[in-house]
Full PDB file with SEQRES, HELIX, SHEET, SSBOND, CRYST1, ORIGX, SCALE, CONECT and MASTER records, all heavy atoms in Angstrom:
SEQRES   1 A   40  ILE LEU ARG ALA ALA ALA THR HIS HIS LEU PRO ILE GLU          
SEQRES   2 A   40  ASP VAL ASP ARG LEU LEU ASP ALA GLY SER ALA ILE ARG          
SEQRES   3 A   40  ARG MET VAL GLU GLN LEU ILE LYS ALA THR THR MET LEU          
SEQRES   4 A   40  LYS                                                          
HELIX    1 AA1 LEU A    2  ALA A    6  1                                   5    
HELIX    2 AA2 ILE A   12  LEU A   39  1                                  28    
CRYST1    1.000    1.000    1.000  90.00  90.00  90.00 P 1           1          
ORIGX1      1.000000  0.000000  0.000000        0.00000                         
ORIGX2      0.000000  1.000000  0.000000        0.00000                         
ORIGX3      0.000000  0.000000  1.000000        0.00000                         
SCALE1      1.000000  0.000000  0.000000        0.00000                         
SCALE2      0.000000  1.000000  0.000000        0.00000                         
SCALE3      0.000000  0.000000  1.000000        0.00000                         
ATOM      1  N   ILE A   1       4.685  -3.826 -22.314  1.00  0.00           N  
ATOM      2  CA  ILE A   1       4.477  -2.660 -21.459  1.00  0.00           C  
ATOM      3  C   ILE A   1       5.854  -1.782 -21.380  1.00  0.00           C  
ATOM      4  O   ILE A   1       5.875  -0.541 -21.490  1.00  0.00           O  
ATOM      5  CB  ILE A   1       4.014  -3.000 -20.062  1.00  0.00           C  
ATOM      6  CG1 ILE A   1       2.665  -3.592 -20.152  1.00  0.00           C  
ATOM      7  CG2 ILE A   1       4.129  -1.844 -19.094  1.00  0.00           C  
ATOM      8  CD1 ILE A   1       2.163  -4.284 -18.814  1.00  0.00           C  
ATOM      9  N   LEU A   2       6.973  -2.484 -21.248  1.00  0.00           N  
ATOM     10  CA  LEU A   2       8.289  -1.836 -21.138  1.00  0.00           C  
ATOM     11  C   LEU A   2       8.666  -1.158 -22.438  1.00  0.00           C  
ATOM     12  O   LEU A   2       9.203  -0.085 -22.473  1.00  0.00           O  
ATOM     13  CB  LEU A   2       9.339  -2.884 -20.714  1.00  0.00           C  
ATOM     14  CG  LEU A   2       9.221  -3.345 -19.241  1.00  0.00           C  
ATOM     15  CD1 LEU A   2      10.220  -4.485 -19.045  1.00  0.00           C  
ATOM     16  CD2 LEU A   2       9.459  -2.224 -18.255  1.00  0.00           C  
ATOM     17  N   ARG A   3       8.363  -1.770 -23.540  1.00  0.00           N  
ATOM     18  CA  ARG A   3       8.556  -1.193 -24.878  1.00  0.00           C  
ATOM     19  C   ARG A   3       7.746   0.058 -25.129  1.00  0.00           C  
ATOM     20  O   ARG A   3       8.190   1.050 -25.606  1.00  0.00           O  
ATOM     21  CB  ARG A   3       8.248  -2.144 -26.045  1.00  0.00           C  
ATOM     22  CG  ARG A   3       9.385  -3.203 -26.263  1.00  0.00           C  
ATOM     23  CD  ARG A   3       9.267  -3.902 -27.654  1.00  0.00           C  
ATOM     24  NE  ARG A   3       7.936  -4.623 -27.718  1.00  0.00           N  
ATOM     25  CZ  ARG A   3       7.802  -5.897 -27.343  1.00  0.00           C  
ATOM     26  NH1 ARG A   3       8.817  -6.581 -26.844  1.00  0.00           N  
ATOM     27  NH2 ARG A   3       6.613  -6.513 -27.454  1.00  0.00           N  
ATOM     28  N   ALA A   4       6.530  -0.019 -24.564  1.00  0.00           N  
ATOM     29  CA  ALA A   4       5.551   1.173 -24.713  1.00  0.00           C  
ATOM     30  C   ALA A   4       6.155   2.325 -23.868  1.00  0.00           C  
ATOM     31  O   ALA A   4       6.047   3.508 -24.281  1.00  0.00           O  
ATOM     32  CB  ALA A   4       4.221   0.768 -24.237  1.00  0.00           C  
ATOM     33  N   ALA A   5       6.711   1.999 -22.719  1.00  0.00           N  
ATOM     34  CA  ALA A   5       7.376   3.069 -21.929  1.00  0.00           C  
ATOM     35  C   ALA A   5       8.629   3.700 -22.612  1.00  0.00           C  
ATOM     36  O   ALA A   5       8.790   4.838 -22.594  1.00  0.00           O  
ATOM     37  CB  ALA A   5       7.766   2.501 -20.605  1.00  0.00           C  
ATOM     38  N   ALA A   6       9.447   2.738 -23.232  1.00  0.00           N  
ATOM     39  CA  ALA A   6      10.629   3.217 -23.902  1.00  0.00           C  
ATOM     40  C   ALA A   6      10.296   4.074 -25.097  1.00  0.00           C  
ATOM     41  O   ALA A   6      11.098   4.941 -25.381  1.00  0.00           O  
ATOM     42  CB  ALA A   6      11.555   2.021 -24.306  1.00  0.00           C  
ATOM     43  N   THR A   7       9.219   3.780 -25.771  1.00  0.00           N  
ATOM     44  CA  THR A   7       8.805   4.625 -26.952  1.00  0.00           C  
ATOM     45  C   THR A   7       7.895   5.692 -26.625  1.00  0.00           C  
ATOM     46  O   THR A   7       7.296   6.400 -27.470  1.00  0.00           O  
ATOM     47  CB  THR A   7       8.204   3.743 -28.001  1.00  0.00           C  
ATOM     48  OG1 THR A   7       7.065   3.048 -27.426  1.00  0.00           O  
ATOM     49  CG2 THR A   7       9.165   2.671 -28.539  1.00  0.00           C  
ATOM     50  N   HIS A   8       7.755   5.969 -25.336  1.00  0.00           N  
ATOM     51  CA  HIS A   8       6.958   7.069 -24.793  1.00  0.00           C  
ATOM     52  C   HIS A   8       5.437   6.971 -25.216  1.00  0.00           C  
ATOM     53  O   HIS A   8       4.745   7.966 -25.229  1.00  0.00           O  
ATOM     54  CB  HIS A   8       7.511   8.510 -25.275  1.00  0.00           C  
ATOM     55  CG  HIS A   8       8.939   8.688 -24.988  1.00  0.00           C  
ATOM     56  ND1 HIS A   8       9.381   8.911 -23.664  1.00  0.00           N  
ATOM     57  CD2 HIS A   8       9.999   8.608 -25.817  1.00  0.00           C  
ATOM     58  CE1 HIS A   8      10.662   8.987 -23.767  1.00  0.00           C  
ATOM     59  NE2 HIS A   8      11.155   8.841 -24.998  1.00  0.00           N  
ATOM     60  N   HIS A   9       4.973   5.761 -25.383  1.00  0.00           N  
ATOM     61  CA  HIS A   9       3.553   5.549 -25.593  1.00  0.00           C  
ATOM     62  C   HIS A   9       2.738   5.438 -24.332  1.00  0.00           C  
ATOM     63  O   HIS A   9       1.534   5.513 -24.304  1.00  0.00           O  
ATOM     64  CB  HIS A   9       3.310   4.297 -26.494  1.00  0.00           C  
ATOM     65  CG  HIS A   9       3.673   4.519 -27.883  1.00  0.00           C  
ATOM     66  ND1 HIS A   9       4.921   4.123 -28.495  1.00  0.00           N  
ATOM     67  CD2 HIS A   9       3.038   5.042 -28.899  1.00  0.00           C  
ATOM     68  CE1 HIS A   9       4.972   4.371 -29.743  1.00  0.00           C  
ATOM     69  NE2 HIS A   9       3.799   4.960 -30.014  1.00  0.00           N  
ATOM     70  N   LEU A  10       3.487   5.250 -23.239  1.00  0.00           N  
ATOM     71  CA  LEU A  10       2.808   5.112 -21.900  1.00  0.00           C  
ATOM     72  C   LEU A  10       3.556   6.053 -20.880  1.00  0.00           C  
ATOM     73  O   LEU A  10       4.845   5.929 -20.859  1.00  0.00           O  
ATOM     74  CB  LEU A  10       2.940   3.712 -21.328  1.00  0.00           C  
ATOM     75  CG  LEU A  10       1.839   2.673 -21.924  1.00  0.00           C  
ATOM     76  CD1 LEU A  10       2.104   1.304 -21.363  1.00  0.00           C  
ATOM     77  CD2 LEU A  10       0.372   3.103 -21.669  1.00  0.00           C  
ATOM     78  N   PRO A  11       2.927   6.789 -20.057  1.00  0.00           N  
ATOM     79  CA  PRO A  11       3.505   7.537 -18.948  1.00  0.00           C  
ATOM     80  C   PRO A  11       4.159   6.557 -18.023  1.00  0.00           C  
ATOM     81  O   PRO A  11       3.644   5.407 -17.814  1.00  0.00           O  
ATOM     82  CB  PRO A  11       2.347   8.329 -18.295  1.00  0.00           C  
ATOM     83  CG  PRO A  11       1.254   8.358 -19.287  1.00  0.00           C  
ATOM     84  CD  PRO A  11       1.438   7.039 -20.099  1.00  0.00           C  
ATOM     85  N   ILE A  12       5.187   6.988 -17.311  1.00  0.00           N  
ATOM     86  CA  ILE A  12       5.932   6.042 -16.477  1.00  0.00           C  
ATOM     87  C   ILE A  12       5.120   5.618 -15.218  1.00  0.00           C  
ATOM     88  O   ILE A  12       5.196   4.431 -14.826  1.00  0.00           O  
ATOM     89  CB  ILE A  12       7.265   6.763 -15.923  1.00  0.00           C  
ATOM     90  CG1 ILE A  12       8.142   5.708 -15.297  1.00  0.00           C  
ATOM     91  CG2 ILE A  12       6.916   7.939 -14.998  1.00  0.00           C  
ATOM     92  CD1 ILE A  12       8.608   4.649 -16.185  1.00  0.00           C  
ATOM     93  N   GLU A  13       4.176   6.555 -14.748  1.00  0.00           N  
ATOM     94  CA  GLU A  13       3.295   6.087 -13.600  1.00  0.00           C  
ATOM     95  C   GLU A  13       2.279   5.003 -14.087  1.00  0.00           C  
ATOM     96  O   GLU A  13       1.987   4.126 -13.295  1.00  0.00           O  
ATOM     97  CB  GLU A  13       2.535   7.311 -13.074  1.00  0.00           C  
ATOM     98  CG  GLU A  13       1.647   8.105 -14.041  1.00  0.00           C  
ATOM     99  CD  GLU A  13       2.365   9.215 -14.722  1.00  0.00           C  
ATOM    100  OE1 GLU A  13       3.674   9.176 -14.689  1.00  0.00           O  
ATOM    101  OE2 GLU A  13       1.734  10.095 -15.316  1.00  0.00           O  
ATOM    102  N   ASP A  14       1.839   5.093 -15.426  1.00  0.00           N  
ATOM    103  CA  ASP A  14       1.016   3.998 -15.836  1.00  0.00           C  
ATOM    104  C   ASP A  14       1.817   2.687 -15.973  1.00  0.00           C  
ATOM    105  O   ASP A  14       1.210   1.606 -15.699  1.00  0.00           O  
ATOM    106  CB  ASP A  14       0.406   4.403 -17.166  1.00  0.00           C  
ATOM    107  CG  ASP A  14      -0.686   5.463 -17.098  1.00  0.00           C  
ATOM    108  OD1 ASP A  14      -1.107   5.713 -15.948  1.00  0.00           O  
ATOM    109  OD2 ASP A  14      -1.132   5.996 -18.150  1.00  0.00           O  
ATOM    110  N   VAL A  15       3.000   2.735 -16.358  1.00  0.00           N  
ATOM    111  CA  VAL A  15       3.852   1.608 -16.580  1.00  0.00           C  
ATOM    112  C   VAL A  15       3.985   0.914 -15.181  1.00  0.00           C  
ATOM    113  O   VAL A  15       3.903  -0.327 -15.078  1.00  0.00           O  
ATOM    114  CB  VAL A  15       5.210   1.955 -17.142  1.00  0.00           C  
ATOM    115  CG1 VAL A  15       6.161   0.782 -17.021  1.00  0.00           C  
ATOM    116  CG2 VAL A  15       5.055   2.520 -18.527  1.00  0.00           C  
ATOM    117  N   ASP A  16       4.348   1.712 -14.150  1.00  0.00           N  
ATOM    118  CA  ASP A  16       4.464   1.087 -12.778  1.00  0.00           C  
ATOM    119  C   ASP A  16       3.189   0.393 -12.317  1.00  0.00           C  
ATOM    120  O   ASP A  16       3.275  -0.707 -11.858  1.00  0.00           O  
ATOM    121  CB  ASP A  16       4.834   2.148 -11.775  1.00  0.00           C  
ATOM    122  CG  ASP A  16       6.288   2.735 -12.030  1.00  0.00           C  
ATOM    123  OD1 ASP A  16       7.120   1.955 -12.721  1.00  0.00           O  
ATOM    124  OD2 ASP A  16       6.609   3.837 -11.513  1.00  0.00           O  
ATOM    125  N   ARG A  17       2.091   0.973 -12.526  1.00  0.00           N  
ATOM    126  CA  ARG A  17       0.829   0.400 -12.106  1.00  0.00           C  
ATOM    127  C   ARG A  17       0.501  -0.819 -12.860  1.00  0.00           C  
ATOM    128  O   ARG A  17       0.106  -1.833 -12.340  1.00  0.00           O  
ATOM    129  CB  ARG A  17      -0.351   1.441 -12.339  1.00  0.00           C  
ATOM    130  CG  ARG A  17      -0.448   2.469 -11.246  1.00  0.00           C  
ATOM    131  CD  ARG A  17      -1.833   3.073 -11.166  1.00  0.00           C  
ATOM    132  NE  ARG A  17      -2.208   3.594 -12.452  1.00  0.00           N  
ATOM    133  CZ  ARG A  17      -2.034   4.874 -12.830  1.00  0.00           C  
ATOM    134  NH1 ARG A  17      -1.315   5.730 -12.046  1.00  0.00           N  
ATOM    135  NH2 ARG A  17      -2.377   5.305 -14.075  1.00  0.00           N  
ATOM    136  N   LEU A  18       0.836  -0.853 -14.148  1.00  0.00           N  
ATOM    137  CA  LEU A  18       0.551  -2.077 -14.974  1.00  0.00           C  
ATOM    138  C   LEU A  18       1.415  -3.175 -14.665  1.00  0.00           C  
ATOM    139  O   LEU A  18       0.994  -4.368 -14.637  1.00  0.00           O  
ATOM    140  CB  LEU A  18       0.555  -1.639 -16.467  1.00  0.00           C  
ATOM    141  CG  LEU A  18      -0.557  -0.791 -17.038  1.00  0.00           C  
ATOM    142  CD1 LEU A  18      -0.248  -0.300 -18.465  1.00  0.00           C  
ATOM    143  CD2 LEU A  18      -1.857  -1.534 -17.039  1.00  0.00           C  
ATOM    144  N   LEU A  19       2.658  -2.895 -14.393  1.00  0.00           N  
ATOM    145  CA  LEU A  19       3.637  -3.941 -14.067  1.00  0.00           C  
ATOM    146  C   LEU A  19       3.327  -4.530 -12.675  1.00  0.00           C  
ATOM    147  O   LEU A  19       3.353  -5.797 -12.503  1.00  0.00           O  
ATOM    148  CB  LEU A  19       5.090  -3.405 -14.059  1.00  0.00           C  
ATOM    149  CG  LEU A  19       5.693  -3.056 -15.404  1.00  0.00           C  
ATOM    150  CD1 LEU A  19       7.074  -2.371 -15.244  1.00  0.00           C  
ATOM    151  CD2 LEU A  19       5.796  -4.361 -16.283  1.00  0.00           C  
ATOM    152  N   ASP A  20       2.888  -3.686 -11.743  1.00  0.00           N  
ATOM    153  CA  ASP A  20       2.505  -4.160 -10.461  1.00  0.00           C  
ATOM    154  C   ASP A  20       1.286  -5.080 -10.516  1.00  0.00           C  
ATOM    155  O   ASP A  20       1.170  -6.047  -9.935  1.00  0.00           O  
ATOM    156  CB  ASP A  20       2.255  -3.002  -9.477  1.00  0.00           C  
ATOM    157  CG  ASP A  20       3.547  -2.357  -9.028  1.00  0.00           C  
ATOM    158  OD1 ASP A  20       4.632  -2.972  -9.205  1.00  0.00           O  
ATOM    159  OD2 ASP A  20       3.528  -1.182  -8.508  1.00  0.00           O  
ATOM    160  N   ALA A  21       0.311  -4.520 -11.359  1.00  0.00           N  
ATOM    161  CA  ALA A  21      -0.910  -5.323 -11.497  1.00  0.00           C  
ATOM    162  C   ALA A  21      -0.673  -6.685 -12.233  1.00  0.00           C  
ATOM    163  O   ALA A  21      -1.285  -7.656 -11.913  1.00  0.00           O  
ATOM    164  CB  ALA A  21      -1.956  -4.541 -12.218  1.00  0.00           C  
ATOM    165  N   GLY A  22       0.235  -6.635 -13.184  1.00  0.00           N  
ATOM    166  CA  GLY A  22       0.556  -7.847 -13.933  1.00  0.00           C  
ATOM    167  C   GLY A  22       1.225  -8.927 -12.984  1.00  0.00           C  
ATOM    168  O   GLY A  22       0.913 -10.049 -13.022  1.00  0.00           O  
ATOM    169  N   SER A  23       2.124  -8.382 -12.121  1.00  0.00           N  
ATOM    170  CA  SER A  23       2.717  -9.292 -11.077  1.00  0.00           C  
ATOM    171  C   SER A  23       1.630  -9.862 -10.202  1.00  0.00           C  
ATOM    172  O   SER A  23       1.690 -11.007  -9.795  1.00  0.00           O  
ATOM    173  CB  SER A  23       3.867  -8.577 -10.371  1.00  0.00           C  
ATOM    174  OG  SER A  23       4.846  -8.110 -11.129  1.00  0.00           O  
ATOM    175  N   ALA A  24       0.675  -9.035  -9.851  1.00  0.00           N  
ATOM    176  CA  ALA A  24      -0.409  -9.446  -8.900  1.00  0.00           C  
ATOM    177  C   ALA A  24      -1.249 -10.555  -9.595  1.00  0.00           C  
ATOM    178  O   ALA A  24      -1.544 -11.501  -8.941  1.00  0.00           O  
ATOM    179  CB  ALA A  24      -1.283  -8.297  -8.514  1.00  0.00           C  
ATOM    180  N   ILE A  25      -1.572 -10.405 -10.854  1.00  0.00           N  
ATOM    181  CA  ILE A  25      -2.385 -11.388 -11.542  1.00  0.00           C  
ATOM    182  C   ILE A  25      -1.623 -12.684 -11.700  1.00  0.00           C  
ATOM    183  O   ILE A  25      -2.145 -13.828 -11.558  1.00  0.00           O  
ATOM    184  CB  ILE A  25      -2.927 -10.923 -12.903  1.00  0.00           C  
ATOM    185  CG1 ILE A  25      -4.145 -11.700 -13.361  1.00  0.00           C  
ATOM    186  CG2 ILE A  25      -1.883 -10.913 -13.996  1.00  0.00           C  
ATOM    187  CD1 ILE A  25      -4.828 -11.153 -14.516  1.00  0.00           C  
ATOM    188  N   ARG A  26      -0.324 -12.508 -11.893  1.00  0.00           N  
ATOM    189  CA  ARG A  26       0.507 -13.798 -12.053  1.00  0.00           C  
ATOM    190  C   ARG A  26       0.503 -14.496 -10.724  1.00  0.00           C  
ATOM    191  O   ARG A  26       0.365 -15.758 -10.601  1.00  0.00           O  
ATOM    192  CB  ARG A  26       1.898 -13.365 -12.490  1.00  0.00           C  
ATOM    193  CG  ARG A  26       2.896 -14.585 -12.684  1.00  0.00           C  
ATOM    194  CD  ARG A  26       4.244 -13.950 -12.699  1.00  0.00           C  
ATOM    195  NE  ARG A  26       5.258 -14.950 -13.143  1.00  0.00           N  
ATOM    196  CZ  ARG A  26       6.623 -14.854 -13.119  1.00  0.00           C  
ATOM    197  NH1 ARG A  26       7.086 -13.737 -12.591  1.00  0.00           N  
ATOM    198  NH2 ARG A  26       7.415 -15.723 -13.512  1.00  0.00           N  
ATOM    199  N   ARG A  27       0.762 -13.775  -9.656  1.00  0.00           N  
ATOM    200  CA  ARG A  27       0.868 -14.349  -8.244  1.00  0.00           C  
ATOM    201  C   ARG A  27      -0.477 -14.987  -7.913  1.00  0.00           C  
ATOM    202  O   ARG A  27      -0.530 -16.029  -7.314  1.00  0.00           O  
ATOM    203  CB  ARG A  27       1.263 -13.277  -7.248  1.00  0.00           C  
ATOM    204  CG  ARG A  27       1.398 -13.808  -5.833  1.00  0.00           C  
ATOM    205  CD  ARG A  27       2.651 -14.728  -5.681  1.00  0.00           C  
ATOM    206  NE  ARG A  27       2.747 -15.058  -4.298  1.00  0.00           N  
ATOM    207  CZ  ARG A  27       3.674 -16.039  -3.878  1.00  0.00           C  
ATOM    208  NH1 ARG A  27       4.428 -16.683  -4.746  1.00  0.00           N  
ATOM    209  NH2 ARG A  27       3.807 -16.311  -2.685  1.00  0.00           N  
ATOM    210  N   MET A  28      -1.586 -14.268  -8.221  1.00  0.00           N  
ATOM    211  CA  MET A  28      -2.969 -14.786  -7.923  1.00  0.00           C  
ATOM    212  C   MET A  28      -3.151 -16.125  -8.593  1.00  0.00           C  
ATOM    213  O   MET A  28      -3.643 -17.084  -7.936  1.00  0.00           O  
ATOM    214  CB  MET A  28      -3.989 -13.794  -8.317  1.00  0.00           C  
ATOM    215  CG  MET A  28      -5.381 -14.181  -8.027  1.00  0.00           C  
ATOM    216  SD  MET A  28      -6.182 -15.265  -9.190  1.00  0.00           S  
ATOM    217  CE  MET A  28      -6.375 -14.213 -10.531  1.00  0.00           C  
ATOM    218  N   VAL A  29      -2.799 -16.243  -9.822  1.00  0.00           N  
ATOM    219  CA  VAL A  29      -2.999 -17.490 -10.631  1.00  0.00           C  
ATOM    220  C   VAL A  29      -2.114 -18.606 -10.010  1.00  0.00           C  
ATOM    221  O   VAL A  29      -2.608 -19.671  -9.860  1.00  0.00           O  
ATOM    222  CB  VAL A  29      -2.665 -17.247 -12.158  1.00  0.00           C  
ATOM    223  CG1 VAL A  29      -2.658 -18.630 -12.832  1.00  0.00           C  
ATOM    224  CG2 VAL A  29      -3.746 -16.390 -12.780  1.00  0.00           C  
ATOM    225  N   GLU A  30      -0.913 -18.259  -9.681  1.00  0.00           N  
ATOM    226  CA  GLU A  30       0.017 -19.277  -9.130  1.00  0.00           C  
ATOM    227  C   GLU A  30      -0.496 -19.839  -7.800  1.00  0.00           C  
ATOM    228  O   GLU A  30      -0.574 -21.068  -7.534  1.00  0.00           O  
ATOM    229  CB  GLU A  30       1.409 -18.632  -8.836  1.00  0.00           C  
ATOM    230  CG  GLU A  30       2.154 -18.409 -10.065  1.00  0.00           C  
ATOM    231  CD  GLU A  30       3.511 -17.726  -9.882  1.00  0.00           C  
ATOM    232  OE1 GLU A  30       3.674 -17.242  -8.714  1.00  0.00           O  
ATOM    233  OE2 GLU A  30       4.365 -17.577 -10.763  1.00  0.00           O  
ATOM    234  N   GLN A  31      -0.944 -18.921  -6.912  1.00  0.00           N  
ATOM    235  CA  GLN A  31      -1.457 -19.357  -5.615  1.00  0.00           C  
ATOM    236  C   GLN A  31      -2.751 -20.128  -5.757  1.00  0.00           C  
ATOM    237  O   GLN A  31      -2.994 -21.145  -5.019  1.00  0.00           O  
ATOM    238  CB  GLN A  31      -1.667 -18.129  -4.658  1.00  0.00           C  
ATOM    239  CG  GLN A  31      -0.419 -17.349  -4.313  1.00  0.00           C  
ATOM    240  CD  GLN A  31       0.648 -18.194  -3.741  1.00  0.00           C  
ATOM    241  OE1 GLN A  31       1.462 -18.780  -4.429  1.00  0.00           O  
ATOM    242  NE2 GLN A  31       0.660 -18.279  -2.502  1.00  0.00           N  
ATOM    243  N   LEU A  32      -3.601 -19.687  -6.689  1.00  0.00           N  
ATOM    244  CA  LEU A  32      -4.892 -20.407  -6.868  1.00  0.00           C  
ATOM    245  C   LEU A  32      -4.656 -21.827  -7.398  1.00  0.00           C  
ATOM    246  O   LEU A  32      -5.287 -22.807  -7.032  1.00  0.00           O  
ATOM    247  CB  LEU A  32      -5.801 -19.643  -7.822  1.00  0.00           C  
ATOM    248  CG  LEU A  32      -7.226 -20.135  -7.985  1.00  0.00           C  
ATOM    249  CD1 LEU A  32      -7.895 -20.272  -6.671  1.00  0.00           C  
ATOM    250  CD2 LEU A  32      -7.975 -19.250  -8.935  1.00  0.00           C  
ATOM    251  N   ILE A  33      -3.683 -21.955  -8.308  1.00  0.00           N  
ATOM    252  CA  ILE A  33      -3.317 -23.317  -8.889  1.00  0.00           C  
ATOM    253  C   ILE A  33      -2.758 -24.152  -7.795  1.00  0.00           C  
ATOM    254  O   ILE A  33      -3.134 -25.348  -7.741  1.00  0.00           O  
ATOM    255  CB  ILE A  33      -2.332 -23.173 -10.067  1.00  0.00           C  
ATOM    256  CG1 ILE A  33      -3.036 -22.515 -11.276  1.00  0.00           C  
ATOM    257  CG2 ILE A  33      -1.775 -24.464 -10.443  1.00  0.00           C  
ATOM    258  CD1 ILE A  33      -2.167 -22.169 -12.472  1.00  0.00           C  
ATOM    259  N   LYS A  34      -1.902 -23.612  -6.965  1.00  0.00           N  
ATOM    260  CA  LYS A  34      -1.335 -24.500  -5.823  1.00  0.00           C  
ATOM    261  C   LYS A  34      -2.406 -24.867  -4.895  1.00  0.00           C  
ATOM    262  O   LYS A  34      -2.511 -26.074  -4.517  1.00  0.00           O  
ATOM    263  CB  LYS A  34      -0.358 -23.557  -5.026  1.00  0.00           C  
ATOM    264  CG  LYS A  34       0.993 -23.263  -5.753  1.00  0.00           C  
ATOM    265  CD  LYS A  34       1.844 -22.384  -4.781  1.00  0.00           C  
ATOM    266  CE  LYS A  34       3.096 -22.025  -5.443  1.00  0.00           C  
ATOM    267  NZ  LYS A  34       3.914 -21.087  -4.561  1.00  0.00           N  
ATOM    268  N   ALA A  35      -3.311 -23.980  -4.544  1.00  0.00           N  
ATOM    269  CA  ALA A  35      -4.380 -24.376  -3.629  1.00  0.00           C  
ATOM    270  C   ALA A  35      -5.335 -25.502  -4.279  1.00  0.00           C  
ATOM    271  O   ALA A  35      -5.707 -26.384  -3.664  1.00  0.00           O  
ATOM    272  CB  ALA A  35      -5.237 -23.112  -3.276  1.00  0.00           C  
ATOM    273  N   THR A  36      -5.597 -25.265  -5.583  1.00  0.00           N  
ATOM    274  CA  THR A  36      -6.515 -26.163  -6.275  1.00  0.00           C  
ATOM    275  C   THR A  36      -5.860 -27.569  -6.446  1.00  0.00           C  
ATOM    276  O   THR A  36      -6.538 -28.623  -6.173  1.00  0.00           O  
ATOM    277  CB  THR A  36      -6.808 -25.654  -7.723  1.00  0.00           C  
ATOM    278  OG1 THR A  36      -7.395 -24.308  -7.554  1.00  0.00           O  
ATOM    279  CG2 THR A  36      -7.825 -26.534  -8.354  1.00  0.00           C  
ATOM    280  N   THR A  37      -4.596 -27.551  -6.747  1.00  0.00           N  
ATOM    281  CA  THR A  37      -3.882 -28.848  -6.870  1.00  0.00           C  
ATOM    282  C   THR A  37      -3.864 -29.609  -5.570  1.00  0.00           C  
ATOM    283  O   THR A  37      -4.140 -30.790  -5.493  1.00  0.00           O  
ATOM    284  CB  THR A  37      -2.442 -28.561  -7.373  1.00  0.00           C  
ATOM    285  OG1 THR A  37      -2.466 -27.866  -8.615  1.00  0.00           O  
ATOM    286  CG2 THR A  37      -1.695 -29.882  -7.466  1.00  0.00           C  
ATOM    287  N   MET A  38      -3.541 -28.984  -4.465  1.00  0.00           N  
ATOM    288  CA  MET A  38      -3.540 -29.604  -3.149  1.00  0.00           C  
ATOM    289  C   MET A  38      -4.931 -30.020  -2.797  1.00  0.00           C  
ATOM    290  O   MET A  38      -5.150 -31.112  -2.157  1.00  0.00           O  
ATOM    291  CB  MET A  38      -2.970 -28.642  -2.075  1.00  0.00           C  
ATOM    292  CG  MET A  38      -1.422 -28.405  -2.189  1.00  0.00           C  
ATOM    293  SD  MET A  38      -0.782 -27.478  -0.851  1.00  0.00           S  
ATOM    294  CE  MET A  38      -0.883 -28.706   0.475  1.00  0.00           C  
ATOM    295  N   LEU A  39      -5.897 -29.197  -3.008  1.00  0.00           N  
ATOM    296  CA  LEU A  39      -7.281 -29.499  -2.672  1.00  0.00           C  
ATOM    297  C   LEU A  39      -7.780 -30.741  -3.389  1.00  0.00           C  
ATOM    298  O   LEU A  39      -8.408 -31.616  -2.842  1.00  0.00           O  
ATOM    299  CB  LEU A  39      -8.222 -28.279  -2.939  1.00  0.00           C  
ATOM    300  CG  LEU A  39      -9.510 -28.254  -2.183  1.00  0.00           C  
ATOM    301  CD1 LEU A  39      -9.371 -28.349  -0.680  1.00  0.00           C  
ATOM    302  CD2 LEU A  39     -10.191 -26.952  -2.537  1.00  0.00           C  
ATOM    303  N   LYS A  40      -7.558 -30.712  -4.707  1.00  0.00           N  
ATOM    304  CA  LYS A  40      -7.964 -31.921  -5.527  1.00  0.00           C  
ATOM    305  C   LYS A  40      -7.253 -33.153  -5.131  1.00  0.00           C  
ATOM    306  O   LYS A  40      -7.813 -34.245  -5.101  1.00  0.00           O  
ATOM    307  CB  LYS A  40      -7.772 -31.583  -6.962  1.00  0.00           C  
ATOM    308  CG  LYS A  40      -8.765 -30.546  -7.525  1.00  0.00           C  
ATOM    309  CD  LYS A  40      -8.575 -30.317  -9.026  1.00  0.00           C  
ATOM    310  CE  LYS A  40      -9.513 -29.238  -9.591  1.00  0.00           C  
ATOM    311  NZ  LYS A  40     -10.881 -29.798  -9.561  1.00  0.00           N  
TER     312      LYS A  40                                                      
MASTER        0    0    0    2    0    0    0    6  311    1    0    4          
END                                                                             
């Protein structure tokens, strides 16, 4: 995503949204794995 921004293949506002959403999916997976591990 950052390379696409640097080469002007993605508008900067799209880059911000994608990075935020990527961080969200990472955090979601981490929290779900923690909950699942403790639950099991």
